[in-house]
């Protein structure tokens, strides 16, 4: 079972449904336009029977879903993760894997507080993103040889 909270247009939700045949994917996003897009993308890619879609994933919604013996939770919900992952609720996720995008741009303490909560039940592996300016300076791709640095 896979749960994608804050799935936007469904890139990961639909992609995972396509790659893991037989997995049920629960996809949530509060943006009505995104919801329409990921439902259409699931249909076009032949996985709509395995992608359960809804607009809002509350802590109660998350707790009510049968995660089975092993699930993947992908979360990119721009700050709502602090409500979804609390000391009171994280215990039910102990046997499952979680990939959580932490929005430090909203609150510089967010990452450390979510890490503290999840570290009680999970091994934490932080992956830091590289900002766009650093990417333009660092990554070497043939497609980027011609544009000037500001254009990249």
Protein backbone atom coordinates (compact mmCIF):
# COMPACT_ATOMS: atom_id res chain seq x y z
CA UNK A 1 0.00 0.00 0.00
CA UNK A 2 1.19 3.49 -0.86
CA UNK A 3 -0.13 6.76 0.50
CA UNK A 4 0.79 10.03 -1.24
CA UNK A 5 -0.28 13.02 0.85
CA UNK A 6 0.00 16.29 -1.06
CA UNK A 7 0.30 14.47 -4.37
CA UNK A 8 -0.27 17.56 -6.57
CA UNK A 9 -0.87 16.34 -10.14
CA UNK A 10 -0.02 12.76 -9.18
CA UNK A 11 3.49 12.31 -10.56
CA UNK A 12 4.61 9.99 -7.74
CA UNK A 13 1.19 8.47 -6.98
CA UNK A 14 0.51 7.48 -10.57
CA UNK A 15 4.14 6.58 -11.31
CA UNK A 16 4.31 4.27 -8.30
CA UNK A 17 0.99 2.65 -9.25
CA UNK A 18 2.42 2.00 -12.71
CA UNK A 19 5.71 0.58 -11.39
CA UNK A 20 4.31 -1.54 -8.56
CA UNK A 21 1.55 -3.60 -10.12
CA UNK A 22 -0.91 -4.68 -7.48
CA UNK A 23 -0.22 -1.84 -5.07
CA UNK A 24 -3.16 0.25 -3.97
CA UNK A 25 -2.25 3.94 -3.94
CA UNK A 26 -4.14 6.48 -1.84
CA UNK A 27 -3.58 9.95 -3.31
CA UNK A 28 -4.58 13.17 -1.54
CA UNK A 29 -4.38 16.83 -2.46
CA UNK A 30 -6.51 19.78 -1.36
CA UNK A 31 -6.14 21.64 -4.67
CA UNK A 32 -9.24 20.89 -6.78
CA UNK A 33 -7.39 21.48 -10.07
CA UNK A 34 -4.62 19.07 -9.03
CA UNK A 35 -7.24 16.53 -7.95
CA UNK A 36 -8.86 16.61 -11.38
CA UNK A 37 -5.46 16.24 -13.05
CA UNK A 38 -4.30 13.23 -11.03
CA UNK A 39 -7.63 11.48 -11.50
CA UNK A 40 -7.35 12.03 -15.27
CA UNK A 41 -3.71 10.88 -15.26
CA UNK A 42 -4.64 7.70 -13.37
CA UNK A 43 -7.33 6.99 -15.96
CA UNK A 44 -5.02 7.66 -18.93
CA UNK A 45 -2.33 5.41 -17.51
CA UNK A 46 -4.68 2.54 -16.76
CA UNK A 47 -4.27 2.54 -12.99
CA UNK A 48 -7.46 4.29 -11.86
CA UNK A 49 -8.81 1.03 -10.39
CA UNK A 50 -5.85 0.97 -7.97
CA UNK A 51 -5.58 4.69 -7.19
CA UNK A 52 -7.99 5.84 -4.52
CA UNK A 53 -8.24 9.62 -4.63
CA UNK A 54 -9.48 12.17 -2.15
CA UNK A 55 -8.91 15.81 -1.41
CA UNK A 56 -7.99 15.88 2.27
CA UNK A 57 -6.01 13.51 4.47
CA UNK A 58 -6.62 14.26 8.13
CA UNK A 59 -4.83 12.41 10.92
CA UNK A 60 -8.06 10.43 11.35
CA UNK A 61 -8.13 9.56 7.63
CA UNK A 62 -4.54 8.38 7.76
CA UNK A 63 -5.20 6.32 10.90
CA UNK A 64 -8.31 4.71 9.39
CA UNK A 65 -6.55 3.28 6.34
CA UNK A 66 -5.30 -0.30 6.56
CA UNK A 67 -1.61 0.09 5.77
CA UNK A 68 -1.01 -3.65 5.76
CA UNK A 69 2.28 -5.07 6.97
CA UNK A 70 4.46 -2.67 4.99
CA UNK A 71 3.52 0.62 3.34
CA UNK A 72 5.19 3.65 1.83
CA UNK A 73 3.97 7.09 2.88
CA UNK A 74 5.06 9.99 0.67
CA UNK A 75 4.27 13.38 2.17
CA UNK A 76 4.67 16.82 0.60
CA UNK A 77 1.91 18.85 2.18
CA UNK A 78 3.65 22.17 2.86
CA UNK A 79 3.47 22.30 6.63
CA UNK A 80 0.51 20.04 7.39
CA UNK A 81 2.98 17.23 8.09
CA UNK A 82 3.33 18.64 11.61
CA UNK A 83 -0.32 17.74 12.14
CA UNK A 84 -0.02 14.32 10.50
CA UNK A 85 3.19 13.23 12.24
CA UNK A 86 2.92 13.81 15.99
CA UNK A 87 4.16 11.90 19.02
CA UNK A 88 0.58 10.69 19.50
CA UNK A 89 0.11 9.40 15.94
CA UNK A 90 3.52 8.31 14.69
CA UNK A 91 3.44 4.95 16.47
CA UNK A 92 1.07 3.43 13.90
CA UNK A 93 3.70 4.15 11.24
CA UNK A 94 6.51 2.26 12.98
CA UNK A 95 6.52 -0.65 10.50
CA UNK A 96 6.21 1.56 7.43
CA UNK A 97 8.54 3.72 5.38
CA UNK A 98 7.98 7.45 5.06
CA UNK A 99 9.41 9.99 2.66
CA UNK A 100 8.61 13.44 4.03
CA UNK A 101 9.51 16.70 2.33
CA UNK A 102 10.10 19.20 5.10
CA UNK A 103 9.19 22.82 4.35
CA UNK A 104 11.93 24.73 6.17
CA UNK A 105 11.01 27.80 4.14
CA UNK A 106 7.82 28.00 6.24
CA UNK A 107 9.52 27.52 9.60
CA UNK A 108 13.24 26.99 10.15
CA UNK A 109 12.55 24.66 13.11
CA UNK A 110 10.17 22.42 11.19
CA UNK A 111 12.71 19.83 10.07
CA UNK A 112 14.14 19.28 13.51
CA UNK A 113 10.74 18.92 15.17
CA UNK A 114 9.47 16.41 12.58
CA UNK A 115 12.78 14.52 12.74
CA UNK A 116 12.48 14.34 16.53
CA UNK A 117 8.99 12.86 16.27
CA UNK A 118 9.89 10.33 13.57
CA UNK A 119 13.20 9.33 15.19
CA UNK A 120 11.28 7.57 17.97
CA UNK A 121 10.05 4.96 15.49
CA UNK A 122 12.21 5.33 12.37
CA UNK A 123 15.81 5.54 11.23
CA UNK A 124 16.16 9.01 9.75
CA UNK A 125 18.12 9.70 6.56
CA UNK A 126 18.11 13.36 5.59
CA UNK A 127 18.56 14.32 1.97
CA UNK A 128 19.18 17.99 1.40
CA UNK A 129 18.18 19.63 -1.81
CA UNK A 130 20.49 21.87 -3.76
CA UNK A 131 19.14 25.33 -4.47
CA UNK A 132 18.65 26.35 -8.09
CA UNK A 133 21.60 28.75 -8.18
CA UNK A 134 23.95 26.04 -6.92
CA UNK A 135 22.53 23.57 -9.45
CA UNK A 136 23.38 25.95 -12.30
CA UNK A 137 26.96 26.22 -11.04
CA UNK A 138 27.46 22.55 -10.18
CA UNK A 139 25.66 20.21 -12.54
CA UNK A 140 27.29 19.50 -15.87
CA UNK A 141 24.90 18.49 -18.64
CA UNK A 142 25.53 18.75 -22.36
CA UNK A 143 22.24 20.64 -22.70
CA UNK A 144 23.61 23.35 -20.42
CA UNK A 145 26.91 23.96 -22.21
CA UNK A 146 25.60 26.69 -24.51
CA UNK A 147 23.51 28.86 -22.18
CA UNK A 148 25.32 31.43 -20.08
CA UNK A 149 25.33 31.03 -16.30
CA UNK A 150 22.41 33.48 -15.80
CA UNK A 151 20.39 31.66 -18.46
CA UNK A 152 20.93 28.34 -16.68
